[in-house]
Amino acid sequence: MGGAGKSLGLIRRAALPALALIIVGTFGGHAIAGPNGLLAWGGYNRDLTERRAELARLEAERDALRHRSALLNPNKADPDLGEELIRRDLGLVRPDEVIIPLE
């Protein structure tokens, strides 16, 4: 019975440090390889670069649409743009005309 008591005492003394080591190891593993860990930072930087490029493209598109919208303002509409839109949408083109799109 003396041998069984010694091994039970040894297990009890080793249980708490072993549990602490498992917990620390789990947190350490997630800090390195988890979804928000050190290894994921490269992917985040790549995604950030892609999103910035997409944002720049969308801002340029927005500015172009804003400019075109300003040209269609009823108070000061651009007559050439108005004529272009009417001819294109209503099909009012004479047979001897050649239409050259500017965009």
N, C-alpha and C. Protein backbone atom coordinates (compact mmCIF):
# COMPACT_ATOMS: atom_id res chain seq x y z
N MET A 1 0.80 -1.18 0.00
CA MET A 1 0.00 0.00 0.00
C MET A 1 0.85 1.25 0.00
N GLY A 2 2.07 1.13 0.46
CA GLY A 2 2.97 2.26 0.50
C GLY A 2 3.31 2.76 -0.89
N GLY A 3 3.46 1.85 -1.87
CA GLY A 3 3.80 2.24 -3.24
C GLY A 3 2.66 2.96 -3.92
N ALA A 4 1.41 2.51 -3.62
CA ALA A 4 0.24 3.14 -4.24
C ALA A 4 0.03 4.54 -3.68
N GLY A 5 0.29 4.71 -2.40
CA GLY A 5 0.14 6.03 -1.77
C GLY A 5 1.16 7.02 -2.29
N LYS A 6 2.41 6.53 -2.55
CA LYS A 6 3.44 7.41 -3.09
C LYS A 6 3.09 7.88 -4.50
N SER A 7 2.62 6.96 -5.32
CA SER A 7 2.30 7.33 -6.70
C SER A 7 1.08 8.26 -6.74
N LEU A 8 0.10 8.07 -5.85
CA LEU A 8 -1.06 8.97 -5.79
C LEU A 8 -0.62 10.36 -5.35
N GLY A 9 0.28 10.44 -4.40
CA GLY A 9 0.82 11.73 -3.95
C GLY A 9 1.60 12.43 -5.06
N LEU A 10 2.36 11.64 -5.81
CA LEU A 10 3.12 12.20 -6.93
C LEU A 10 2.19 12.75 -8.00
N ILE A 11 1.12 12.04 -8.29
CA ILE A 11 0.15 12.49 -9.29
C ILE A 11 -0.53 13.77 -8.83
N ARG A 12 -0.89 13.85 -7.55
CA ARG A 12 -1.53 15.07 -7.03
C ARG A 12 -0.60 16.27 -7.10
N ARG A 13 0.67 16.07 -6.80
CA ARG A 13 1.63 17.18 -6.84
C ARG A 13 1.90 17.62 -8.28
N ALA A 14 1.84 16.70 -9.24
CA ALA A 14 2.14 17.03 -10.63
C ALA A 14 0.92 17.52 -11.39
N ALA A 15 -0.28 17.30 -10.87
CA ALA A 15 -1.51 17.65 -11.60
C ALA A 15 -1.63 19.16 -11.83
N LEU A 16 -1.44 19.97 -10.80
CA LEU A 16 -1.60 21.41 -10.93
C LEU A 16 -0.57 22.02 -11.90
N PRO A 17 0.72 21.71 -11.78
CA PRO A 17 1.67 22.24 -12.76
C PRO A 17 1.38 21.75 -14.19
N ALA A 18 0.94 20.50 -14.32
CA ALA A 18 0.62 19.98 -15.65
C ALA A 18 -0.57 20.73 -16.25
N LEU A 19 -1.59 20.98 -15.45
CA LEU A 19 -2.77 21.72 -15.90
C LEU A 19 -2.38 23.14 -16.30
N ALA A 20 -1.53 23.78 -15.49
CA ALA A 20 -1.08 25.13 -15.80
C ALA A 20 -0.28 25.14 -17.11
N LEU A 21 0.56 24.13 -17.31
CA LEU A 21 1.34 24.03 -18.54
C LEU A 21 0.44 23.84 -19.76
N ILE A 22 -0.60 23.06 -19.63
CA ILE A 22 -1.55 22.85 -20.73
C ILE A 22 -2.27 24.15 -21.07
N ILE A 23 -2.69 24.89 -20.04
CA ILE A 23 -3.40 26.15 -20.27
C ILE A 23 -2.49 27.18 -20.94
N VAL A 24 -1.27 27.33 -20.41
CA VAL A 24 -0.32 28.28 -21.00
C VAL A 24 0.02 27.87 -22.43
N GLY A 25 0.20 26.59 -22.68
CA GLY A 25 0.50 26.10 -24.03
C GLY A 25 -0.63 26.38 -25.01
N THR A 26 -1.87 26.22 -24.54
CA THR A 26 -3.02 26.49 -25.40
C THR A 26 -3.07 27.97 -25.78
N PHE A 27 -2.91 28.86 -24.79
CA PHE A 27 -2.92 30.29 -25.08
C PHE A 27 -1.74 30.68 -25.99
N GLY A 28 -0.59 30.08 -25.74
CA GLY A 28 0.58 30.37 -26.59
C GLY A 28 0.35 29.92 -28.03
N GLY A 29 -0.23 28.75 -28.18
CA GLY A 29 -0.52 28.25 -29.53
C GLY A 29 -1.49 29.15 -30.28
N HIS A 30 -2.52 29.61 -29.59
CA HIS A 30 -3.48 30.52 -30.23
C HIS A 30 -2.84 31.88 -30.54
N ALA A 31 -1.93 32.33 -29.69
CA ALA A 31 -1.27 33.62 -29.94
C ALA A 31 -0.38 33.56 -31.18
N ILE A 32 0.12 32.39 -31.50
CA ILE A 32 0.99 32.27 -32.67
C ILE A 32 0.21 31.81 -33.90
N ALA A 33 -0.56 30.73 -33.78
CA ALA A 33 -1.19 30.13 -34.96
C ALA A 33 -2.70 30.30 -34.99
N GLY A 34 -3.27 31.03 -34.09
CA GLY A 34 -4.72 31.22 -34.07
C GLY A 34 -5.20 32.16 -35.17
N PRO A 35 -6.50 32.34 -35.27
CA PRO A 35 -7.05 33.20 -36.33
C PRO A 35 -6.61 34.66 -36.21
N ASN A 36 -6.25 35.11 -35.03
CA ASN A 36 -5.75 36.48 -34.84
C ASN A 36 -4.30 36.47 -34.38
N GLY A 37 -3.60 35.38 -34.59
CA GLY A 37 -2.22 35.24 -34.11
C GLY A 37 -1.20 35.87 -35.03
N LEU A 38 0.05 35.64 -34.69
CA LEU A 38 1.16 36.23 -35.44
C LEU A 38 1.20 35.77 -36.89
N LEU A 39 0.86 34.52 -37.15
CA LEU A 39 0.90 34.00 -38.52
C LEU A 39 -0.20 34.59 -39.39
N ALA A 40 -1.28 35.09 -38.80
CA ALA A 40 -2.38 35.67 -39.56
C ALA A 40 -2.10 37.12 -39.99
N TRP A 41 -1.09 37.76 -39.41
CA TRP A 41 -0.81 39.16 -39.74
C TRP A 41 -0.45 39.36 -41.20
N GLY A 42 0.27 38.43 -41.79
CA GLY A 42 0.62 38.55 -43.21
C GLY A 42 -0.62 38.59 -44.08
N GLY A 43 -1.57 37.75 -43.77
CA GLY A 43 -2.83 37.76 -44.52
C GLY A 43 -3.59 39.05 -44.33
N TYR A 44 -3.56 39.59 -43.12
CA TYR A 44 -4.25 40.86 -42.85
C TYR A 44 -3.61 41.99 -43.65
N ASN A 45 -2.29 42.03 -43.72
CA ASN A 45 -1.61 43.07 -44.48
C ASN A 45 -1.93 42.97 -45.97
N ARG A 46 -1.98 41.76 -46.49
CA ARG A 46 -2.32 41.54 -47.90
C ARG A 46 -3.76 41.98 -48.16
N ASP A 47 -4.68 41.62 -47.28
CA ASP A 47 -6.07 42.03 -47.43
C ASP A 47 -6.21 43.55 -47.35
N LEU A 48 -5.45 44.17 -46.46
CA LEU A 48 -5.49 45.62 -46.31
C LEU A 48 -5.03 46.31 -47.60
N THR A 49 -3.98 45.80 -48.21
CA THR A 49 -3.48 46.37 -49.46
C THR A 49 -4.53 46.24 -50.56
N GLU A 50 -5.18 45.08 -50.64
CA GLU A 50 -6.22 44.87 -51.65
C GLU A 50 -7.39 45.81 -51.41
N ARG A 51 -7.79 45.97 -50.15
CA ARG A 51 -8.93 46.84 -49.84
C ARG A 51 -8.62 48.31 -50.13
N ARG A 52 -7.37 48.72 -49.88
CA ARG A 52 -6.99 50.10 -50.20
C ARG A 52 -7.04 50.36 -51.70
N ALA A 53 -6.59 49.39 -52.49
CA ALA A 53 -6.64 49.53 -53.95
C ALA A 53 -8.10 49.59 -54.42
N GLU A 54 -8.94 48.75 -53.85
CA GLU A 54 -10.36 48.76 -54.21
C GLU A 54 -11.00 50.09 -53.80
N LEU A 55 -10.64 50.61 -52.64
CA LEU A 55 -11.17 51.90 -52.18
C LEU A 55 -10.76 53.02 -53.13
N ALA A 56 -9.51 53.02 -53.58
CA ALA A 56 -9.04 54.05 -54.51
C ALA A 56 -9.81 53.97 -55.83
N ARG A 57 -10.05 52.75 -56.32
CA ARG A 57 -10.81 52.57 -57.56
C ARG A 57 -12.24 53.07 -57.40
N LEU A 58 -12.87 52.73 -56.28
CA LEU A 58 -14.24 53.16 -56.04
C LEU A 58 -14.35 54.67 -55.85
N GLU A 59 -13.35 55.27 -55.21
CA GLU A 59 -13.37 56.73 -55.05
C GLU A 59 -13.22 57.42 -56.39
N ALA A 60 -12.38 56.89 -57.28
CA ALA A 60 -12.23 57.47 -58.62
C ALA A 60 -13.54 57.34 -59.40
N GLU A 61 -14.19 56.18 -59.27
CA GLU A 61 -15.48 55.98 -59.95
C GLU A 61 -16.53 56.93 -59.40
N ARG A 62 -16.53 57.12 -58.07
CA ARG A 62 -17.47 58.04 -57.45
C ARG A 62 -17.25 59.47 -57.94
N ASP A 63 -15.98 59.87 -58.04
CA ASP A 63 -15.67 61.22 -58.51
C ASP A 63 -16.12 61.42 -59.96
N ALA A 64 -15.93 60.40 -60.80
CA ALA A 64 -16.37 60.49 -62.19
C ALA A 64 -17.89 60.61 -62.26
N LEU A 65 -18.59 59.83 -61.45
CA LEU A 65 -20.06 59.91 -61.44
C LEU A 65 -20.53 61.26 -60.89
N ARG A 66 -19.83 61.76 -59.90
CA ARG A 66 -20.18 63.07 -59.34
C ARG A 66 -20.00 64.17 -60.39
N HIS A 67 -18.92 64.07 -61.18
CA HIS A 67 -18.67 65.05 -62.24
C HIS A 67 -19.75 64.97 -63.31
N ARG A 68 -20.08 63.75 -63.72
CA ARG A 68 -21.12 63.57 -64.75
C ARG A 68 -22.46 64.06 -64.24
N SER A 69 -22.74 63.83 -62.97
CA SER A 69 -23.98 64.30 -62.37
C SER A 69 -24.03 65.83 -62.36
N ALA A 70 -22.90 66.46 -62.08
CA ALA A 70 -22.85 67.93 -62.09
C ALA A 70 -23.11 68.47 -63.49
N LEU A 71 -22.65 67.74 -64.51
CA LEU A 71 -22.90 68.18 -65.89
C LEU A 71 -24.38 68.09 -66.25
N LEU A 72 -25.14 67.27 -65.55
CA LEU A 72 -26.57 67.10 -65.82
C LEU A 72 -27.44 67.96 -64.92
N ASN A 73 -26.85 68.82 -64.13
CA ASN A 73 -27.61 69.70 -63.24
C ASN A 73 -28.56 70.56 -64.08
N PRO A 74 -29.86 70.55 -63.79
CA PRO A 74 -30.83 71.31 -64.60
C PRO A 74 -30.55 72.81 -64.65
N ASN A 75 -29.93 73.35 -63.63
CA ASN A 75 -29.65 74.79 -63.60
C ASN A 75 -28.52 75.19 -64.55
N LYS A 76 -27.60 74.28 -64.81
CA LYS A 76 -26.46 74.60 -65.68
C LYS A 76 -26.00 73.35 -66.43
N ALA A 77 -26.91 72.69 -67.12
CA ALA A 77 -26.61 71.45 -67.83
C ALA A 77 -25.68 71.71 -69.01
N ASP A 78 -24.80 70.76 -69.27
CA ASP A 78 -23.90 70.83 -70.41
C ASP A 78 -24.69 70.46 -71.66
N PRO A 79 -24.83 71.36 -72.63
CA PRO A 79 -25.66 71.07 -73.80
C PRO A 79 -25.13 69.90 -74.63
N ASP A 80 -23.82 69.76 -74.72
CA ASP A 80 -23.26 68.65 -75.51
C ASP A 80 -23.61 67.29 -74.87
N LEU A 81 -23.51 67.21 -73.55
CA LEU A 81 -23.85 65.96 -72.87
C LEU A 81 -25.34 65.67 -73.00
N GLY A 82 -26.17 66.70 -72.88
CA GLY A 82 -27.60 66.50 -73.04
C GLY A 82 -27.94 65.98 -74.42
N GLU A 83 -27.34 66.58 -75.45
CA GLU A 83 -27.58 66.12 -76.81
C GLU A 83 -27.09 64.68 -76.99
N GLU A 84 -25.93 64.36 -76.43
CA GLU A 84 -25.40 63.00 -76.54
C GLU A 84 -26.35 61.98 -75.91
N LEU A 85 -26.87 62.30 -74.73
CA LEU A 85 -27.78 61.37 -74.04
C LEU A 85 -29.09 61.21 -74.81
N ILE A 86 -29.62 62.31 -75.31
CA ILE A 86 -30.88 62.23 -76.05
C ILE A 86 -30.70 61.41 -77.31
N ARG A 87 -29.64 61.66 -78.03
CA ARG A 87 -29.41 60.90 -79.27
C ARG A 87 -29.19 59.41 -78.98
N ARG A 88 -28.42 59.12 -77.92
CA ARG A 88 -28.14 57.71 -77.62
C ARG A 88 -29.37 56.98 -77.13
N ASP A 89 -30.11 57.60 -76.19
CA ASP A 89 -31.24 56.91 -75.58
C ASP A 89 -32.46 56.84 -76.49
N LEU A 90 -32.66 57.85 -77.31
CA LEU A 90 -33.83 57.87 -78.18
C LEU A 90 -33.52 57.40 -79.60
N GLY A 91 -32.27 57.18 -79.88
CA GLY A 91 -31.89 56.68 -81.20
C GLY A 91 -32.04 57.73 -82.28
N LEU A 92 -31.84 58.99 -81.95
CA LEU A 92 -32.00 60.08 -82.92
C LEU A 92 -30.67 60.38 -83.59
N VAL A 93 -30.27 59.52 -84.48
CA VAL A 93 -29.01 59.68 -85.20
C VAL A 93 -29.33 59.65 -86.69
N ARG A 94 -28.82 60.65 -87.40
CA ARG A 94 -29.04 60.67 -88.85
C ARG A 94 -28.11 59.66 -89.51
N PRO A 95 -28.50 59.15 -90.67
CA PRO A 95 -27.67 58.14 -91.35
C PRO A 95 -26.28 58.66 -91.75
N ASP A 96 -26.13 59.96 -91.95
CA ASP A 96 -24.83 60.49 -92.39
C ASP A 96 -23.93 60.89 -91.22
N GLU A 97 -24.37 60.67 -89.98
CA GLU A 97 -23.58 61.04 -88.81
C GLU A 97 -22.71 59.88 -88.33
N VAL A 98 -21.55 60.24 -87.80
CA VAL A 98 -20.65 59.27 -87.17
C VAL A 98 -20.51 59.67 -85.72
N ILE A 99 -20.81 58.76 -84.82
CA ILE A 99 -20.74 59.04 -83.38
C ILE A 99 -19.45 58.46 -82.85
N ILE A 100 -18.67 59.32 -82.22
CA ILE A 100 -17.40 58.90 -81.62
C ILE A 100 -17.53 59.07 -80.10
N PRO A 101 -17.62 57.95 -79.37
CA PRO A 101 -17.73 58.07 -77.90
C PRO A 101 -16.42 58.61 -77.30
N LEU A 102 -16.57 59.49 -76.34
CA LEU A 102 -15.40 60.10 -75.70
C LEU A 102 -14.88 59.27 -74.54
N GLU A 103 -15.64 58.34 -74.04
CA GLU A 103 -15.23 57.54 -72.88
C GLU A 103 -14.88 56.15 -73.28
